[in-house]
Amino acid sequence: MTVDAPATTDGITLTQVAASKVKDLIANEDVDTLALRISVAPGGCSGLRYQLQLDDRELDGDVAKDWYGVSVVTDRMSYPYLMGATIDFVDTIEQQGFTIDNPNATGSCACGDSFH
C-alpha cells in the first residue's frame, strides 16, 4: 500500500489526490493553460474565506508552483494566509470536495475555517 505523500513547496502542500482531481477538471475545459488559483477573500464568519478556481490569468506578484503536474497559483496578498496549508480532495459518503487544512485559521464555523 502506497502512502499519498504530499509535495511541499514554500509551506503550501497539495496532495497527489487533489492534483489528480484538478487534472480531471482541467481536462473538461477548452483551455489547457489553466491553473488552480487559491486565494483568501473577504467574507466568512471571522473575516476571510477560501476561494479555489481554475484560472488562466497571470497577475503581478503571483506565486506559482507545480505540484504533480498541476500549476497552483496564489496571489501575493493571500500567500501569507496559506503558509502551512494542506489542500486535499475527499470523496466520501459524508463529504466530497476540496479541503484546506490551515494552521493559520483561528477557528471554524459552518462556512469553513476563518481568520482574524
N, C-alpha and C. Protein backbone atom coordinates (compact mmCIF):
# COMPACT_ATOMS: atom_id res chain seq x y z
N MET A 1 0.83 -1.17 0.00
CA MET A 1 0.00 0.00 0.00
C MET A 1 0.89 1.25 0.00
N THR A 2 0.64 2.14 -0.93
CA THR A 2 1.43 3.37 -1.02
C THR A 2 0.74 4.50 -0.27
N VAL A 3 1.55 5.29 0.38
CA VAL A 3 1.02 6.44 1.10
C VAL A 3 1.06 7.64 0.16
N ASP A 4 -0.01 8.44 0.19
CA ASP A 4 -0.07 9.64 -0.64
C ASP A 4 0.78 10.73 0.00
N ALA A 5 2.07 10.69 -0.29
CA ALA A 5 2.97 11.69 0.29
C ALA A 5 2.77 13.01 -0.44
N PRO A 6 2.44 14.07 0.29
CA PRO A 6 2.20 15.35 -0.35
C PRO A 6 3.49 16.01 -0.82
N ALA A 7 3.38 16.84 -1.84
CA ALA A 7 4.51 17.64 -2.30
C ALA A 7 4.44 18.97 -1.56
N THR A 8 5.53 19.39 -0.97
CA THR A 8 5.53 20.63 -0.21
C THR A 8 6.46 21.63 -0.89
N THR A 9 5.99 22.83 -1.11
CA THR A 9 6.80 23.89 -1.68
C THR A 9 6.43 25.18 -0.97
N ASP A 10 7.43 25.82 -0.38
CA ASP A 10 7.23 27.10 0.29
C ASP A 10 6.10 27.07 1.31
N GLY A 11 5.92 25.95 1.99
CA GLY A 11 4.96 25.89 3.08
C GLY A 11 3.54 25.58 2.70
N ILE A 12 3.21 25.48 1.42
CA ILE A 12 1.87 25.10 0.99
C ILE A 12 1.97 23.69 0.43
N THR A 13 0.99 22.84 0.77
CA THR A 13 1.02 21.45 0.34
C THR A 13 -0.20 21.14 -0.51
N LEU A 14 0.01 20.47 -1.63
CA LEU A 14 -1.07 19.96 -2.47
C LEU A 14 -0.88 18.45 -2.56
N THR A 15 -1.89 17.69 -2.14
CA THR A 15 -1.74 16.24 -2.17
C THR A 15 -1.88 15.72 -3.60
N GLN A 16 -1.40 14.52 -3.82
CA GLN A 16 -1.49 13.90 -5.13
C GLN A 16 -2.95 13.65 -5.51
N VAL A 17 -3.79 13.33 -4.54
CA VAL A 17 -5.22 13.11 -4.80
C VAL A 17 -5.87 14.40 -5.31
N ALA A 18 -5.55 15.53 -4.66
CA ALA A 18 -6.10 16.82 -5.08
C ALA A 18 -5.58 17.19 -6.47
N ALA A 19 -4.30 16.95 -6.72
CA ALA A 19 -3.73 17.26 -8.04
C ALA A 19 -4.42 16.44 -9.12
N SER A 20 -4.70 15.19 -8.84
CA SER A 20 -5.39 14.33 -9.81
C SER A 20 -6.79 14.86 -10.13
N LYS A 21 -7.50 15.34 -9.11
CA LYS A 21 -8.84 15.89 -9.31
C LYS A 21 -8.77 17.17 -10.14
N VAL A 22 -7.79 18.02 -9.87
CA VAL A 22 -7.63 19.25 -10.65
C VAL A 22 -7.35 18.90 -12.11
N LYS A 23 -6.51 17.91 -12.36
CA LYS A 23 -6.22 17.48 -13.73
C LYS A 23 -7.51 17.04 -14.43
N ASP A 24 -8.36 16.31 -13.72
CA ASP A 24 -9.65 15.88 -14.29
C ASP A 24 -10.52 17.08 -14.65
N LEU A 25 -10.57 18.07 -13.77
CA LEU A 25 -11.38 19.26 -14.01
C LEU A 25 -10.84 20.06 -15.20
N ILE A 26 -9.53 20.19 -15.30
CA ILE A 26 -8.92 20.91 -16.43
C ILE A 26 -9.18 20.19 -17.74
N ALA A 27 -9.17 18.85 -17.71
CA ALA A 27 -9.40 18.06 -18.92
C ALA A 27 -10.79 18.32 -19.50
N ASN A 28 -11.74 18.75 -18.67
CA ASN A 28 -13.11 19.03 -19.13
C ASN A 28 -13.28 20.44 -19.69
N GLU A 29 -12.23 21.25 -19.64
CA GLU A 29 -12.29 22.63 -20.11
C GLU A 29 -11.68 22.75 -21.50
N ASP A 30 -11.99 23.85 -22.19
CA ASP A 30 -11.45 24.09 -23.52
C ASP A 30 -10.07 24.72 -23.49
N VAL A 31 -9.65 25.25 -22.34
CA VAL A 31 -8.37 25.92 -22.20
C VAL A 31 -7.41 24.98 -21.47
N ASP A 32 -6.28 24.67 -22.10
CA ASP A 32 -5.36 23.74 -21.45
C ASP A 32 -4.24 24.45 -20.68
N THR A 33 -4.30 25.77 -20.57
CA THR A 33 -3.30 26.51 -19.80
C THR A 33 -3.84 26.91 -18.43
N LEU A 34 -4.88 26.23 -17.98
CA LEU A 34 -5.50 26.56 -16.70
C LEU A 34 -4.64 26.11 -15.52
N ALA A 35 -4.70 26.89 -14.47
CA ALA A 35 -4.04 26.57 -13.21
C ALA A 35 -5.09 26.61 -12.11
N LEU A 36 -4.78 26.02 -10.98
CA LEU A 36 -5.64 26.12 -9.81
C LEU A 36 -5.21 27.36 -9.04
N ARG A 37 -6.11 28.34 -8.94
CA ARG A 37 -5.82 29.56 -8.19
C ARG A 37 -6.46 29.42 -6.81
N ILE A 38 -5.64 29.61 -5.78
CA ILE A 38 -6.08 29.53 -4.40
C ILE A 38 -5.88 30.91 -3.78
N SER A 39 -6.93 31.42 -3.15
CA SER A 39 -6.81 32.73 -2.51
C SER A 39 -7.73 32.80 -1.31
N VAL A 40 -7.54 33.85 -0.52
CA VAL A 40 -8.48 34.16 0.54
C VAL A 40 -9.16 35.45 0.15
N ALA A 41 -10.43 35.58 0.53
CA ALA A 41 -11.23 36.75 0.17
C ALA A 41 -12.06 37.18 1.37
N PRO A 42 -12.49 38.44 1.39
CA PRO A 42 -13.35 38.90 2.48
C PRO A 42 -14.62 38.07 2.56
N GLY A 43 -15.04 37.79 3.79
CA GLY A 43 -16.26 37.01 4.00
C GLY A 43 -16.06 36.00 5.09
N GLY A 44 -17.00 35.11 5.23
CA GLY A 44 -16.91 34.10 6.27
C GLY A 44 -17.26 34.66 7.64
N CYS A 45 -17.24 33.81 8.62
CA CYS A 45 -17.64 34.18 9.98
C CYS A 45 -16.69 35.18 10.63
N SER A 46 -15.41 35.06 10.34
CA SER A 46 -14.44 35.91 11.03
C SER A 46 -13.62 36.78 10.09
N GLY A 47 -14.11 37.00 8.88
CA GLY A 47 -13.44 37.96 8.02
C GLY A 47 -12.91 37.46 6.70
N LEU A 48 -12.40 36.23 6.63
CA LEU A 48 -11.83 35.73 5.39
C LEU A 48 -12.32 34.32 5.09
N ARG A 49 -12.42 34.00 3.80
CA ARG A 49 -12.79 32.66 3.37
C ARG A 49 -11.92 32.26 2.18
N TYR A 50 -11.87 30.97 1.87
CA TYR A 50 -11.06 30.45 0.77
C TYR A 50 -11.80 30.57 -0.55
N GLN A 51 -11.03 30.76 -1.62
CA GLN A 51 -11.56 30.68 -2.97
C GLN A 51 -10.64 29.78 -3.77
N LEU A 52 -11.22 28.82 -4.47
CA LEU A 52 -10.49 27.95 -5.38
C LEU A 52 -11.15 28.06 -6.74
N GLN A 53 -10.35 28.27 -7.78
CA GLN A 53 -10.92 28.35 -9.12
C GLN A 53 -9.87 27.98 -10.15
N LEU A 54 -10.33 27.52 -11.30
CA LEU A 54 -9.44 27.31 -12.43
C LEU A 54 -9.26 28.65 -13.11
N ASP A 55 -8.02 29.00 -13.43
CA ASP A 55 -7.73 30.34 -13.92
C ASP A 55 -6.57 30.28 -14.90
N ASP A 56 -6.64 31.11 -15.95
CA ASP A 56 -5.52 31.17 -16.89
C ASP A 56 -4.81 32.53 -16.84
N ARG A 57 -5.17 33.37 -15.85
CA ARG A 57 -4.54 34.68 -15.73
C ARG A 57 -3.20 34.58 -15.01
N GLU A 58 -2.31 35.51 -15.33
CA GLU A 58 -1.05 35.66 -14.60
C GLU A 58 -1.05 37.08 -14.05
N LEU A 59 -1.17 37.22 -12.75
CA LEU A 59 -1.22 38.52 -12.12
C LEU A 59 0.14 38.90 -11.54
N ASP A 60 0.43 40.18 -11.50
CA ASP A 60 1.68 40.66 -10.94
C ASP A 60 1.80 40.22 -9.48
N GLY A 61 2.90 39.61 -9.14
CA GLY A 61 3.14 39.18 -7.77
C GLY A 61 2.65 37.77 -7.45
N ASP A 62 2.07 37.07 -8.43
CA ASP A 62 1.60 35.70 -8.20
C ASP A 62 2.75 34.80 -7.78
N VAL A 63 2.45 33.87 -6.89
CA VAL A 63 3.37 32.81 -6.52
C VAL A 63 2.83 31.55 -7.20
N ALA A 64 3.58 31.02 -8.15
CA ALA A 64 3.13 29.86 -8.92
C ALA A 64 4.10 28.70 -8.70
N LYS A 65 3.55 27.55 -8.42
CA LYS A 65 4.35 26.34 -8.23
C LYS A 65 3.67 25.19 -8.96
N ASP A 66 4.43 24.16 -9.24
CA ASP A 66 3.92 22.98 -9.93
C ASP A 66 3.95 21.80 -8.97
N TRP A 67 2.78 21.19 -8.73
CA TRP A 67 2.68 20.01 -7.88
C TRP A 67 2.03 18.89 -8.67
N TYR A 68 2.76 17.79 -8.82
CA TYR A 68 2.25 16.61 -9.52
C TYR A 68 1.70 16.97 -10.90
N GLY A 69 2.35 17.91 -11.58
CA GLY A 69 1.92 18.29 -12.92
C GLY A 69 0.79 19.30 -12.96
N VAL A 70 0.42 19.86 -11.82
CA VAL A 70 -0.64 20.87 -11.75
C VAL A 70 -0.02 22.19 -11.32
N SER A 71 -0.30 23.24 -12.10
CA SER A 71 0.17 24.56 -11.73
C SER A 71 -0.80 25.15 -10.70
N VAL A 72 -0.26 25.54 -9.55
CA VAL A 72 -1.05 26.14 -8.48
C VAL A 72 -0.56 27.56 -8.28
N VAL A 73 -1.51 28.51 -8.31
CA VAL A 73 -1.18 29.93 -8.25
C VAL A 73 -1.83 30.55 -7.03
N THR A 74 -1.08 31.39 -6.33
CA THR A 74 -1.59 32.12 -5.18
C THR A 74 -1.18 33.58 -5.34
N ASP A 75 -2.10 34.51 -5.13
CA ASP A 75 -1.73 35.92 -5.22
C ASP A 75 -0.91 36.31 -4.00
N ARG A 76 -0.14 37.36 -4.15
CA ARG A 76 0.80 37.75 -3.08
C ARG A 76 0.12 38.17 -1.79
N MET A 77 -1.12 38.66 -1.87
CA MET A 77 -1.83 39.07 -0.65
C MET A 77 -2.36 37.85 0.12
N SER A 78 -2.74 36.80 -0.59
CA SER A 78 -3.28 35.60 0.05
C SER A 78 -2.19 34.67 0.56
N TYR A 79 -1.04 34.71 -0.09
CA TYR A 79 0.02 33.75 0.19
C TYR A 79 0.37 33.62 1.68
N PRO A 80 0.55 34.73 2.42
CA PRO A 80 0.90 34.57 3.85
C PRO A 80 -0.17 33.84 4.66
N TYR A 81 -1.44 33.98 4.28
CA TYR A 81 -2.53 33.29 4.99
C TYR A 81 -2.54 31.79 4.69
N LEU A 82 -1.90 31.39 3.59
CA LEU A 82 -1.94 30.00 3.17
C LEU A 82 -0.67 29.22 3.51
N MET A 83 0.31 29.89 4.12
CA MET A 83 1.55 29.21 4.50
C MET A 83 1.24 28.07 5.48
N GLY A 84 1.70 26.89 5.15
CA GLY A 84 1.47 25.73 6.00
C GLY A 84 0.17 25.00 5.71
N ALA A 85 -0.63 25.52 4.78
CA ALA A 85 -1.92 24.89 4.47
C ALA A 85 -1.73 23.64 3.62
N THR A 86 -2.62 22.66 3.82
CA THR A 86 -2.64 21.45 3.02
C THR A 86 -3.96 21.40 2.25
N ILE A 87 -3.86 21.33 0.93
CA ILE A 87 -5.05 21.24 0.08
C ILE A 87 -5.19 19.79 -0.35
N ASP A 88 -6.35 19.21 -0.09
CA ASP A 88 -6.61 17.81 -0.40
C ASP A 88 -7.97 17.71 -1.08
N PHE A 89 -8.31 16.53 -1.57
CA PHE A 89 -9.63 16.27 -2.13
C PHE A 89 -10.16 15.02 -1.46
N VAL A 90 -11.40 15.10 -0.94
CA VAL A 90 -12.02 13.95 -0.31
C VAL A 90 -13.27 13.57 -1.08
N ASP A 91 -13.55 12.29 -1.11
CA ASP A 91 -14.73 11.78 -1.78
C ASP A 91 -15.28 10.63 -0.93
N THR A 92 -16.11 11.00 0.05
CA THR A 92 -16.69 10.02 0.94
C THR A 92 -18.20 10.18 0.92
N ILE A 93 -18.87 9.33 1.65
CA ILE A 93 -20.34 9.42 1.74
C ILE A 93 -20.76 10.72 2.43
N GLU A 94 -19.96 11.19 3.39
CA GLU A 94 -20.30 12.41 4.12
C GLU A 94 -19.90 13.68 3.40
N GLN A 95 -18.85 13.63 2.59
CA GLN A 95 -18.30 14.85 2.02
C GLN A 95 -17.62 14.58 0.69
N GLN A 96 -17.75 15.51 -0.23
CA GLN A 96 -17.00 15.45 -1.47
C GLN A 96 -16.54 16.85 -1.81
N GLY A 97 -15.27 16.99 -2.08
CA GLY A 97 -14.75 18.29 -2.48
C GLY A 97 -13.35 18.53 -1.96
N PHE A 98 -12.84 19.71 -2.29
CA PHE A 98 -11.53 20.10 -1.83
C PHE A 98 -11.61 20.51 -0.36
N THR A 99 -10.58 20.17 0.39
CA THR A 99 -10.49 20.57 1.79
C THR A 99 -9.17 21.32 1.96
N ILE A 100 -9.18 22.27 2.88
CA ILE A 100 -7.96 23.02 3.19
C ILE A 100 -7.76 22.95 4.69
N ASP A 101 -6.67 22.32 5.08
CA ASP A 101 -6.28 22.26 6.49
C ASP A 101 -5.22 23.34 6.68
N ASN A 102 -5.58 24.39 7.41
CA ASN A 102 -4.72 25.55 7.50
C ASN A 102 -4.43 25.90 8.97
N PRO A 103 -3.15 25.80 9.37
CA PRO A 103 -2.81 26.14 10.75
C PRO A 103 -2.99 27.63 11.06
N ASN A 104 -3.13 28.47 10.04
CA ASN A 104 -3.33 29.91 10.25
C ASN A 104 -4.77 30.25 10.59
N ALA A 105 -5.70 29.32 10.37
CA ALA A 105 -7.10 29.56 10.69
C ALA A 105 -7.25 29.51 12.21
N THR A 106 -7.92 30.51 12.76
CA THR A 106 -8.03 30.59 14.22
C THR A 106 -9.28 29.94 14.76
N GLY A 107 -10.16 29.50 13.90
CA GLY A 107 -11.38 28.84 14.35
C GLY A 107 -12.10 28.26 13.17
N SER A 108 -13.22 27.63 13.43
CA SER A 108 -14.02 27.11 12.34
C SER A 108 -15.49 27.36 12.66
N CYS A 109 -16.27 27.36 11.61
CA CYS A 109 -17.71 27.59 11.75
C CYS A 109 -18.40 26.87 10.62
N ALA A 110 -19.66 27.03 10.47
CA ALA A 110 -20.41 26.31 9.44
C ALA A 110 -19.92 26.62 8.03
N CYS A 111 -19.35 27.79 7.83
CA CYS A 111 -18.90 28.15 6.48
C CYS A 111 -17.44 27.79 6.25
N GLY A 112 -16.78 27.14 7.17
CA GLY A 112 -15.39 26.74 6.98
C GLY A 112 -14.47 27.47 7.94
N ASP A 113 -13.18 27.30 7.76
CA ASP A 113 -12.20 27.95 8.64
C ASP A 113 -12.21 29.46 8.44
N SER A 114 -11.95 30.17 9.50
CA SER A 114 -11.94 31.63 9.46
C SER A 114 -10.63 32.17 10.01
N PHE A 115 -10.33 33.38 9.63
CA PHE A 115 -9.10 34.04 10.05
C PHE A 115 -9.45 35.31 10.80
N HIS A 116 -8.59 35.72 11.70
CA HIS A 116 -8.78 37.00 12.39
C HIS A 116 -7.72 37.96 11.93
